[in-house]
C-alpha cells in the first residue's frame, strides 16, 4: 500500500527552532502507542535534532523496529494521523512516511541497530558535537539551494558527497 503522491517536494531552510525537539516528543508519544508492542527505539534525527543548524522545517523521526516492515493495520493508523507512505523511496532497508500540514514530519522505519540506524544516529551525534562540522554541512545545504536544487531529490543528491564525507568521520 503506497499512498503517497510525488516524493520530490519543494525544499526550504530555516534557522534552528527550539520547538522542534518538543514537536518530536509529542509525535513520538503518539507513534509509540501505534507501535507499543514492537518498537525498540525512537529517535529525533536529521538537522531539526541539531541545535544551531539551518534545517528543512520537517521533524525527522527514526523508528527502530526488529524488522523494517509495517503491517496493514499500522499503515491504516499512520494514514489516520495524516502520513503518506512511500515504501523504501530509494533507500533499501528503510520505509519512508511523511506528514505535511501545520506541522511537518518524516518517519524512517528501519531495523534497530542496522547500518541505517547506526549511521543516522552517528551522523546526528557528530553534528551535535562539532561546530565546524555543522558549519561545513550547513554550507553544503546552502550551496545546494543556491545552485538551483530547490526540490528534495536534487537537493539531497547535491549534498550527498558532504554527508558521505562527514559520515566517514562520524562512524565509530
Protein backbone atom coordinates (compact mmCIF):
# COMPACT_ATOMS: atom_id res chain seq x y z
CA UNK A 1 0.00 0.00 0.00
CA UNK A 2 1.84 3.05 -1.24
CA UNK A 3 -0.45 6.03 -0.92
CA UNK A 4 1.98 8.89 -1.27
CA UNK A 5 2.00 11.41 -4.06
CA UNK A 6 5.20 12.72 -5.56
CA UNK A 7 8.08 12.45 -3.10
CA UNK A 8 10.01 15.25 -4.87
CA UNK A 9 8.67 18.18 -2.88
CA UNK A 10 9.99 21.77 -2.64
CA UNK A 11 12.78 22.38 -0.13
CA UNK A 12 13.43 25.42 2.06
CA UNK A 13 15.73 26.03 5.01
CA UNK A 14 15.03 27.82 8.28
CA UNK A 15 17.04 28.80 11.31
CA UNK A 16 17.00 26.22 14.09
CA UNK A 17 13.72 26.34 16.00
CA UNK A 18 13.88 25.28 19.67
CA UNK A 19 10.30 23.95 19.40
CA UNK A 20 11.43 21.07 17.14
CA UNK A 21 12.51 18.74 20.00
CA UNK A 22 9.10 19.20 21.67
CA UNK A 23 7.36 18.51 18.35
CA UNK A 24 9.36 15.28 18.17
CA UNK A 25 8.42 14.29 21.73
CA UNK A 26 4.73 14.90 21.09
CA UNK A 27 4.67 12.94 17.82
CA UNK A 28 6.86 10.16 19.22
CA UNK A 29 4.41 9.63 22.09
CA UNK A 30 1.59 9.13 19.58
CA UNK A 31 3.69 6.78 17.45
CA UNK A 32 4.68 4.74 20.49
CA UNK A 33 1.00 3.94 21.02
CA UNK A 34 0.77 2.52 17.50
CA UNK A 35 3.98 0.50 17.81
CA UNK A 36 3.92 -0.14 21.57
CA UNK A 37 4.34 -3.88 21.27
CA UNK A 38 7.19 -3.88 18.78
CA UNK A 39 9.25 -0.69 18.63
CA UNK A 40 12.72 -0.94 20.09
CA UNK A 41 13.71 2.72 19.94
CA UNK A 42 12.55 6.02 18.52
CA UNK A 43 14.93 8.92 17.92
CA UNK A 44 14.82 12.50 16.70
CA UNK A 45 17.42 12.77 13.96
CA UNK A 46 18.23 14.95 10.98
CA UNK A 47 19.00 18.65 11.19
CA UNK A 48 15.98 19.56 13.33
CA UNK A 49 17.67 17.45 16.02
CA UNK A 50 20.88 19.52 15.86
CA UNK A 51 20.72 22.86 17.66
CA UNK A 52 22.18 25.79 15.76
CA UNK A 53 22.00 24.48 12.20
CA UNK A 54 19.78 25.54 9.31
CA UNK A 55 17.20 22.85 8.62
CA UNK A 56 14.25 21.98 6.48
CA UNK A 57 11.29 22.67 8.81
CA UNK A 58 10.46 18.95 8.94
CA UNK A 59 10.98 16.88 12.10
CA UNK A 60 12.70 13.60 11.20
CA UNK A 61 11.79 10.56 13.27
CA UNK A 62 13.84 7.37 13.21
CA UNK A 63 11.75 4.38 14.27
CA UNK A 64 13.77 1.27 15.10
CA UNK A 65 11.87 -2.00 14.85
CA UNK A 66 13.10 -5.59 14.92
CA UNK A 67 12.46 -5.59 11.15
CA UNK A 68 11.78 -2.72 8.73
CA UNK A 69 8.25 -3.74 7.89
CA UNK A 70 4.82 -2.32 8.60
CA UNK A 71 1.56 -4.18 8.91
CA UNK A 72 -1.55 -3.13 7.05
CA UNK A 73 -3.12 -2.14 10.42
CA UNK A 74 -0.12 0.08 11.26
CA UNK A 75 -0.29 1.73 7.84
CA UNK A 76 -4.00 2.41 8.36
CA UNK A 77 -3.29 4.03 11.76
CA UNK A 78 -0.46 6.12 10.33
CA UNK A 79 -2.72 7.20 7.46
CA UNK A 80 -5.33 8.31 10.01
CA UNK A 81 -2.63 10.54 11.54
CA UNK A 82 -2.04 12.10 8.11
CA UNK A 83 1.02 10.15 6.99
CA UNK A 84 1.64 9.30 3.35
CA UNK A 85 3.51 6.06 2.73
CA UNK A 86 6.26 5.86 0.09
CA UNK A 87 7.77 2.42 0.67
CA UNK A 88 11.56 2.34 0.52
CA UNK A 89 11.65 5.53 -1.59
CA UNK A 90 15.08 4.71 -3.00
CA UNK A 91 16.75 3.66 0.27
CA UNK A 92 16.98 -0.12 0.65
CA UNK A 93 16.02 -1.21 4.16
CA UNK A 94 14.10 1.95 5.05
CA UNK A 95 10.37 2.59 4.89
CA UNK A 96 9.55 6.27 4.47
CA UNK A 97 6.42 8.15 5.50
CA UNK A 98 5.70 11.85 5.66
CA UNK A 99 3.07 14.14 7.10
CA UNK A 100 2.63 17.67 5.85
CA UNK A 101 0.37 20.36 7.25
CA UNK A 102 0.57 22.73 10.19
CA UNK A 103 3.47 20.60 11.46
CA UNK A 104 5.70 18.53 9.18
CA UNK A 105 7.20 15.12 9.94
CA UNK A 106 9.15 12.38 8.21
CA UNK A 107 9.32 8.86 9.61
CA UNK A 108 12.06 6.46 8.61
CA UNK A 109 11.32 2.91 9.72
CA UNK A 110 14.50 0.84 9.87
CA UNK A 111 15.75 -2.25 11.61
CA UNK A 112 17.05 -1.24 15.03
CA UNK A 113 20.86 -1.33 15.25
CA UNK A 114 21.18 -1.86 11.48
CA UNK A 115 23.74 0.12 9.48
CA UNK A 116 20.99 2.61 8.56
CA UNK A 117 20.07 3.07 12.21
CA UNK A 118 23.67 3.39 13.39
CA UNK A 119 24.72 5.74 10.57
CA UNK A 120 21.83 8.13 11.15
CA UNK A 121 22.49 8.29 14.89
CA UNK A 122 26.26 8.68 14.40
CA UNK A 123 25.75 11.47 11.85
CA UNK A 124 23.38 13.36 14.16
CA UNK A 125 25.64 12.96 17.19
CA UNK A 126 28.73 14.04 15.26
CA UNK A 127 26.99 17.21 14.07
CA UNK A 128 25.88 17.94 17.64
CA UNK A 129 29.46 17.63 18.92
CA UNK A 130 31.36 19.72 16.39
CA UNK A 131 30.51 23.29 15.38
CA UNK A 132 32.93 23.18 12.44
CA UNK A 133 31.27 20.08 11.02
CA UNK A 134 27.85 21.71 11.47
CA UNK A 135 29.05 24.76 9.56
CA UNK A 136 30.51 22.60 6.78
CA UNK A 137 27.24 20.68 6.41
CA UNK A 138 25.19 23.86 6.58
CA UNK A 139 27.29 25.36 3.76
CA UNK A 140 26.61 22.28 1.60
CA UNK A 141 22.88 22.80 2.15
CA UNK A 142 23.07 26.49 1.27
CA UNK A 143 25.14 25.80 -1.85
CA UNK A 144 22.66 23.15 -2.99
CA UNK A 145 19.77 25.60 -2.71
CA UNK A 146 21.67 28.50 -4.26
CA UNK A 147 22.72 26.22 -7.08
CA UNK A 148 19.11 25.73 -8.04
CA UNK A 149 18.41 22.49 -6.18
CA UNK A 150 15.09 23.58 -4.71
CA UNK A 151 13.39 20.17 -4.85
CA UNK A 152 14.06 17.29 -2.47
CA UNK A 153 15.67 14.73 -4.77
CA UNK A 154 18.17 17.08 -6.41
CA UNK A 155 18.83 18.87 -3.11
CA UNK A 156 19.59 15.53 -1.44
CA UNK A 157 21.84 14.49 -4.32
CA UNK A 158 23.76 17.78 -4.22
CA UNK A 159 24.70 17.36 -0.58
CA UNK A 160 25.28 13.58 -0.66
CA UNK A 161 29.08 13.79 -1.02
CA UNK A 162 29.28 16.06 2.03
CA UNK A 163 27.11 13.65 4.00
CA UNK A 164 29.32 10.72 2.97
CA UNK A 165 32.45 12.68 3.98
CA UNK A 166 31.02 13.55 7.40
CA UNK A 167 29.66 10.06 7.95
CA UNK A 168 33.10 8.55 7.34
CA UNK A 169 34.42 10.64 10.23
CA UNK A 170 31.34 10.07 12.41
CA UNK A 171 31.31 6.27 12.35
CA UNK A 172 32.87 4.64 15.40
